[in-house]
PDB file of N, CA and C in Angstrom:
ATOM      1  N   MET A   1       4.827  -0.120  -0.946  1.00  0.00           N
ATOM      2  CA  MET A   1       4.943  -1.553  -0.926  1.00  0.00           C
ATOM      3  C   MET A   1       6.420  -1.908  -1.020  1.00  0.00           C
ATOM      4  N   GLU A   2       6.747  -3.098  -0.573  1.00  0.00           N
ATOM      5  CA  GLU A   2       8.137  -3.525  -0.597  1.00  0.00           C
ATOM      6  C   GLU A   2       8.327  -4.650  -1.610  1.00  0.00           C
ATOM      7  N   VAL A   3       9.348  -4.489  -2.451  1.00  0.00           N
ATOM      8  CA  VAL A   3       9.722  -5.519  -3.414  1.00  0.00           C
ATOM      9  C   VAL A   3      11.210  -5.809  -3.238  1.00  0.00           C
ATOM     10  N   THR A   4      11.641  -6.931  -3.766  1.00  0.00           N
ATOM     11  CA  THR A   4      13.056  -7.281  -3.732  1.00  0.00           C
ATOM     12  C   THR A   4      13.589  -7.226  -5.150  1.00  0.00           C
ATOM     13  N   ILE A   5      14.595  -6.374  -5.365  1.00  0.00           N
ATOM     14  CA  ILE A   5      15.212  -6.243  -6.682  1.00  0.00           C
ATOM     15  C   ILE A   5      16.650  -6.717  -6.572  1.00  0.00           C
ATOM     16  N   ASN A   6      16.956  -7.781  -7.287  1.00  0.00           N
ATOM     17  CA  ASN A   6      18.300  -8.371  -7.265  1.00  0.00           C
ATOM     18  C   ASN A   6      18.784  -8.621  -5.843  1.00  0.00           C
ATOM     19  N   GLY A   7      17.881  -9.119  -5.001  1.00  0.00           N
ATOM     20  CA  GLY A   7      18.239  -9.512  -3.646  1.00  0.00           C
ATOM     21  C   GLY A   7      18.191  -8.413  -2.609  1.00  0.00           C
ATOM     22  N   ALA A   8      17.915  -7.183  -3.006  1.00  0.00           N
ATOM     23  CA  ALA A   8      17.862  -6.062  -2.058  1.00  0.00           C
ATOM     24  C   ALA A   8      16.434  -5.530  -1.953  1.00  0.00           C
ATOM     25  N   ALA A   9      16.021  -5.226  -0.726  1.00  0.00           N
ATOM     26  CA  ALA A   9      14.678  -4.696  -0.495  1.00  0.00           C
ATOM     27  C   ALA A   9      14.594  -3.249  -0.985  1.00  0.00           C
ATOM     28  N   HIS A  10      13.487  -2.929  -1.645  1.00  0.00           N
ATOM     29  CA  HIS A  10      13.225  -1.576  -2.135  1.00  0.00           C
ATOM     30  C   HIS A  10      11.783  -1.225  -1.793  1.00  0.00           C
ATOM     31  N   GLU A  11      11.586  -0.026  -1.327  1.00  0.00           N
ATOM     32  CA  GLU A  11      10.249   0.503  -1.084  1.00  0.00           C
ATOM     33  C   GLU A  11       9.842   1.251  -2.352  1.00  0.00           C
ATOM     34  N   VAL A  12       8.730   0.844  -2.966  1.00  0.00           N
ATOM     35  CA  VAL A  12       8.259   1.484  -4.189  1.00  0.00           C
ATOM     36  C   VAL A  12       6.784   1.831  -4.032  1.00  0.00           C
ATOM     37  N   PRO A  13       6.333   2.850  -4.757  1.00  0.00           N
ATOM     38  CA  PRO A  13       4.914   3.216  -4.672  1.00  0.00           C
ATOM     39  C   PRO A  13       4.013   2.136  -5.271  1.00  0.00           C
ATOM     40  N   ASP A  14       2.801   2.041  -4.760  1.00  0.00           N
ATOM     41  CA  ASP A  14       1.810   1.146  -5.364  1.00  0.00           C
ATOM     42  C   ASP A  14       1.668   1.502  -6.835  1.00  0.00           C
ATOM     43  N   GLY A  15       1.496   0.494  -7.666  1.00  0.00           N
ATOM     44  CA  GLY A  15       1.323   0.727  -9.093  1.00  0.00           C
ATOM     45  C   GLY A  15       2.620   0.806  -9.872  1.00  0.00           C
ATOM     46  N   THR A  16       3.749   0.635  -9.202  1.00  0.00           N
ATOM     47  CA  THR A  16       5.034   0.648  -9.903  1.00  0.00           C
ATOM     48  C   THR A  16       5.066  -0.473 -10.928  1.00  0.00           C
ATOM     49  N   THR A  17       5.570  -0.169 -12.114  1.00  0.00           N
ATOM     50  CA  THR A  17       5.643  -1.160 -13.188  1.00  0.00           C
ATOM     51  C   THR A  17       7.052  -1.747 -13.275  1.00  0.00           C
ATOM     52  N   VAL A  18       7.162  -2.809 -14.027  1.00  0.00           N
ATOM     53  CA  VAL A  18       8.474  -3.414 -14.280  1.00  0.00           C
ATOM     54  C   VAL A  18       9.400  -2.377 -14.917  1.00  0.00           C
ATOM     55  N   ALA A  19       8.903  -1.602 -15.866  1.00  0.00           N
ATOM     56  CA  ALA A  19       9.723  -0.581 -16.529  1.00  0.00           C
ATOM     57  C   ALA A  19      10.291   0.406 -15.513  1.00  0.00           C
ATOM     58  N   GLN A  20       9.485   0.830 -14.552  1.00  0.00           N
ATOM     59  CA  GLN A  20       9.951   1.768 -13.535  1.00  0.00           C
ATOM     60  C   GLN A  20      10.999   1.126 -12.624  1.00  0.00           C
ATOM     61  N   ALA A  21      10.838  -0.143 -12.325  1.00  0.00           N
ATOM     62  CA  ALA A  21      11.825  -0.850 -11.501  1.00  0.00           C
ATOM     63  C   ALA A  21      13.155  -0.945 -12.234  1.00  0.00           C
ATOM     64  N   VAL A  22      13.100  -1.208 -13.525  1.00  0.00           N
ATOM     65  CA  VAL A  22      14.329  -1.277 -14.314  1.00  0.00           C
ATOM     66  C   VAL A  22      15.033   0.075 -14.294  1.00  0.00           C
ATOM     67  N   GLN A  23      14.279   1.158 -14.443  1.00  0.00           N
ATOM     68  CA  GLN A  23      14.857   2.496 -14.430  1.00  0.00           C
ATOM     69  C   GLN A  23      15.520   2.823 -13.095  1.00  0.00           C
ATOM     70  N   ARG A  24      15.018   2.260 -12.005  1.00  0.00           N
ATOM     71  CA  ARG A  24      15.623   2.469 -10.683  1.00  0.00           C
ATOM     72  C   ARG A  24      17.019   1.872 -10.610  1.00  0.00           C
ATOM     73  N   LEU A  25      17.218   0.774 -11.348  1.00  0.00           N
ATOM     74  CA  LEU A  25      18.454   0.017 -11.223  1.00  0.00           C
ATOM     75  C   LEU A  25      19.495   0.362 -12.284  1.00  0.00           C
ATOM     76  N   THR A  26      19.059   0.634 -13.496  1.00  0.00           N
ATOM     77  CA  THR A  26      20.016   0.859 -14.579  1.00  0.00           C
ATOM     78  C   THR A  26      19.464   1.860 -15.581  1.00  0.00           C
ATOM     79  N   GLU A  27      20.386   2.576 -16.209  1.00  0.00           N
ATOM     80  CA  GLU A  27      19.990   3.495 -17.278  1.00  0.00           C
ATOM     81  C   GLU A  27      20.087   2.829 -18.640  1.00  0.00           C
ATOM     82  N   GLN A  28      20.580   1.586 -18.677  1.00  0.00           N
ATOM     83  CA  GLN A  28      20.697   0.871 -19.940  1.00  0.00           C
ATOM     84  C   GLN A  28      19.322   0.628 -20.538  1.00  0.00           C
ATOM     85  N   THR A  29      19.260   0.715 -21.852  1.00  0.00           N
ATOM     86  CA  THR A  29      17.987   0.467 -22.534  1.00  0.00           C
ATOM     87  C   THR A  29      18.057  -0.780 -23.408  1.00  0.00           C
ATOM     88  N   THR A  30      19.255  -1.333 -23.580  1.00  0.00           N
ATOM     89  CA  THR A  30      19.401  -2.568 -24.357  1.00  0.00           C
ATOM     90  C   THR A  30      20.185  -3.571 -23.524  1.00  0.00           C
ATOM     91  N   GLY A  31      20.055  -4.826 -23.871  1.00  0.00           N
ATOM     92  CA  GLY A  31      20.800  -5.858 -23.166  1.00  0.00           C
ATOM     93  C   GLY A  31      20.319  -6.101 -21.754  1.00  0.00           C
ATOM     94  N   VAL A  32      19.021  -5.877 -21.512  1.00  0.00           N
ATOM     95  CA  VAL A  32      18.446  -6.037 -20.178  1.00  0.00           C
ATOM     96  C   VAL A  32      17.351  -7.107 -20.236  1.00  0.00           C
ATOM     97  N   ALA A  33      17.366  -8.014 -19.254  1.00  0.00           N
ATOM     98  CA  ALA A  33      16.329  -9.040 -19.138  1.00  0.00           C
ATOM     99  C   ALA A  33      15.744  -8.966 -17.730  1.00  0.00           C
ATOM    100  N   VAL A  34      14.455  -9.261 -17.616  1.00  0.00           N
ATOM    101  CA  VAL A  34      13.768  -9.144 -16.326  1.00  0.00           C
ATOM    102  C   VAL A  34      12.930 -10.387 -16.056  1.00  0.00           C
ATOM    103  N   ALA A  35      12.972 -10.839 -14.807  1.00  0.00           N
ATOM    104  CA  ALA A  35      12.077 -11.903 -14.339  1.00  0.00           C
ATOM    105  C   ALA A  35      11.408 -11.422 -13.062  1.00  0.00           C
ATOM    106  N   VAL A  36      10.129 -11.690 -12.943  1.00  0.00           N
ATOM    107  CA  VAL A  36       9.372 -11.372 -11.727  1.00  0.00           C
ATOM    108  C   VAL A  36       8.873 -12.697 -11.171  1.00  0.00           C
ATOM    109  N   ASN A  37       9.265 -12.978  -9.938  1.00  0.00           N
ATOM    110  CA  ASN A  37       8.895 -14.240  -9.296  1.00  0.00           C
ATOM    111  C   ASN A  37       9.230 -15.442 -10.190  1.00  0.00           C
ATOM    112  N   ASP A  38      10.434 -15.408 -10.751  1.00  0.00           N
ATOM    113  CA  ASP A  38      10.988 -16.486 -11.577  1.00  0.00           C
ATOM    114  C   ASP A  38      10.318 -16.646 -12.938  1.00  0.00           C
ATOM    115  N   GLU A  39       9.517 -15.692 -13.359  1.00  0.00           N
ATOM    116  CA  GLU A  39       8.883 -15.722 -14.681  1.00  0.00           C
ATOM    117  C   GLU A  39       9.429 -14.570 -15.521  1.00  0.00           C
ATOM    118  N   VAL A  40       9.957 -14.887 -16.703  1.00  0.00           N
ATOM    119  CA  VAL A  40      10.499 -13.849 -17.585  1.00  0.00           C
ATOM    120  C   VAL A  40       9.376 -12.923 -18.030  1.00  0.00           C
ATOM    121  N   VAL A  41       9.667 -11.612 -18.019  1.00  0.00           N
ATOM    122  CA  VAL A  41       8.714 -10.608 -18.484  1.00  0.00           C
ATOM    123  C   VAL A  41       9.270 -10.032 -19.782  1.00  0.00           C
ATOM    124  N   THR A  42       8.519 -10.142 -20.865  1.00  0.00           N
ATOM    125  CA  THR A  42       9.001  -9.642 -22.145  1.00  0.00           C
ATOM    126  C   THR A  42       9.043  -8.116 -22.147  1.00  0.00           C
ATOM    127  N   ARG A  43      10.042  -7.587 -22.844  1.00  0.00           N
ATOM    128  CA  ARG A  43      10.245  -6.133 -22.875  1.00  0.00           C
ATOM    129  C   ARG A  43       8.978  -5.383 -23.295  1.00  0.00           C
ATOM    130  N   GLY A  44       8.236  -5.929 -24.214  1.00  0.00           N
ATOM    131  CA  GLY A  44       7.038  -5.256 -24.700  1.00  0.00           C
ATOM    132  C   GLY A  44       5.955  -5.074 -23.646  1.00  0.00           C
ATOM    133  N   THR A  45       6.051  -5.816 -22.530  1.00  0.00           N
ATOM    134  CA  THR A  45       5.025  -5.692 -21.482  1.00  0.00           C
ATOM    135  C   THR A  45       5.540  -5.023 -20.213  1.00  0.00           C
ATOM    136  N   TRP A  46       6.792  -4.575 -20.202  1.00  0.00           N
ATOM    137  CA  TRP A  46       7.348  -3.945 -18.996  1.00  0.00           C
ATOM    138  C   TRP A  46       6.496  -2.773 -18.517  1.00  0.00           C
ATOM    139  N   ALA A  47       6.088  -1.905 -19.439  1.00  0.00           N
ATOM    140  CA  ALA A  47       5.368  -0.691 -19.055  1.00  0.00           C
ATOM    141  C   ALA A  47       3.963  -0.969 -18.546  1.00  0.00           C
ATOM    142  N   THR A  48       3.427  -2.138 -18.858  1.00  0.00           N
ATOM    143  CA  THR A  48       2.053  -2.447 -18.461  1.00  0.00           C
ATOM    144  C   THR A  48       1.978  -3.560 -17.414  1.00  0.00           C
ATOM    145  N   THR A  49       3.135  -4.001 -16.922  1.00  0.00           N
ATOM    146  CA  THR A  49       3.157  -5.060 -15.915  1.00  0.00           C
ATOM    147  C   THR A  49       3.385  -4.449 -14.537  1.00  0.00           C
ATOM    148  N   PRO A  50       2.335  -4.391 -13.712  1.00  0.00           N
ATOM    149  CA  PRO A  50       2.499  -3.809 -12.377  1.00  0.00           C
ATOM    150  C   PRO A  50       3.152  -4.803 -11.419  1.00  0.00           C
ATOM    151  N   LEU A  51       3.870  -4.269 -10.468  1.00  0.00           N
ATOM    152  CA  LEU A  51       4.454  -5.091  -9.416  1.00  0.00           C
ATOM    153  C   LEU A  51       3.500  -5.161  -8.239  1.00  0.00           C
ATOM    154  N   ALA A  52       3.631  -6.212  -7.457  1.00  0.00           N
ATOM    155  CA  ALA A  52       2.812  -6.390  -6.256  1.00  0.00           C
ATOM    156  C   ALA A  52       3.732  -6.458  -5.042  1.00  0.00           C
ATOM    157  N   ASP A  53       3.162  -6.188  -3.877  1.00  0.00           N
ATOM    158  CA  ASP A  53       3.920  -6.247  -2.638  1.00  0.00           C
ATOM    159  C   ASP A  53       4.615  -7.601  -2.518  1.00  0.00           C
ATOM    160  N   ARG A  54       5.879  -7.573  -2.158  1.00  0.00           N
ATOM    161  CA  ARG A  54       6.725  -8.753  -1.936  1.00  0.00           C
ATOM    162  C   ARG A  54       7.150  -9.485  -3.210  1.00  0.00           C
ATOM    163  N   ASP A  55       6.931  -8.864  -4.376  1.00  0.00           N
ATOM    164  CA  ASP A  55       7.434  -9.467  -5.610  1.00  0.00           C
ATOM    165  C   ASP A  55       8.957  -9.537  -5.563  1.00  0.00           C
ATOM    166  N   ARG A  56       9.513 -10.550  -6.238  1.00  0.00           N
ATOM    167  CA  ARG A  56      10.963 -10.707  -6.378  1.00  0.00           C
ATOM    168  C   ARG A  56      11.309 -10.431  -7.834  1.00  0.00           C
ATOM    169  N   ILE A  57      12.096  -9.397  -8.062  1.00  0.00           N
ATOM    170  CA  ILE A  57      12.465  -8.990  -9.413  1.00  0.00           C
ATOM    171  C   ILE A  57      13.961  -9.214  -9.609  1.00  0.00           C
ATOM    172  N   GLU A  58      14.307  -9.877 -10.692  1.00  0.00           N
ATOM    173  CA  GLU A  58      15.707 -10.040 -11.081  1.00  0.00           C
ATOM    174  C   GLU A  58      15.903  -9.280 -12.366  1.00  0.00           C
ATOM    175  N   ILE A  59      16.851  -8.341 -12.351  1.00  0.00           N
ATOM    176  CA  ILE A  59      17.174  -7.553 -13.526  1.00  0.00           C
ATOM    177  C   ILE A  59      18.598  -7.868 -13.908  1.00  0.00           C
ATOM    178  N   LEU A  60      18.760  -8.396 -15.113  1.00  0.00           N
ATOM    179  CA  LEU A  60      20.073  -8.808 -15.586  1.00  0.00           C
ATOM    180  C   LEU A  60      20.472  -7.936 -16.765  1.00  0.00           C
ATOM    181  N   THR A  61      21.732  -7.499 -16.765  1.00  0.00           N
ATOM    182  CA  THR A  61      22.238  -6.720 -17.873  1.00  0.00           C
ATOM    183  C   THR A  61      23.393  -7.455 -18.531  1.00  0.00           C
ATOM    184  N   ALA A  62      23.441  -7.408 -19.855  1.00  0.00           N
ATOM    185  CA  ALA A  62      24.521  -8.044 -20.598  1.00  0.00           C
ATOM    186  C   ALA A  62      25.798  -7.225 -20.411  1.00  0.00           C
ATOM    187  N   VAL A  63      26.918  -7.945 -20.283  1.00  0.00           N
ATOM    188  CA  VAL A  63      28.205  -7.295 -20.092  1.00  0.00           C
ATOM    189  C   VAL A  63      29.152  -7.814 -21.160  1.00  0.00           C
ATOM    190  N   GLN A  64      29.850  -6.886 -21.820  1.00  0.00           N
ATOM    191  CA  GLN A  64      30.824  -7.287 -22.833  1.00  0.00           C
ATOM    192  C   GLN A  64      32.145  -7.592 -22.147  1.00  0.00           C
ATOM    193  N   GLY A  65      32.874  -8.463 -22.735  1.00  0.00           N
ATOM    194  CA  GLY A  65      34.189  -8.784 -22.196  1.00  0.00           C
ATOM    195  C   GLY A  65      34.735 -10.018 -22.864  1.00  0.00           C
ATOM    196  N   GLY A  66      35.889 -10.383 -22.414  1.00  0.00           N
ATOM    197  CA  GLY A  66      36.464 -11.541 -23.051  1.00  0.00           C
ATOM    198  C   GLY A  66      37.287 -12.364 -22.112  1.00  0.00           C
TER     199      GLY A  66
END
């Protein structure tokens, strides 16, 4: 199935979860926020939230700086 992650098309297997999509994009485990189709997905449900064909996923990571 095809999903869009941060504006780029990605081919992922059926049944891919939000947690797996995050792992594709970043190795960070803290400071990460996710929205699927403009709805925030809480970290506690990433592993149990499956993606569907044509979902739009935004993965944001916190960046330190000044």
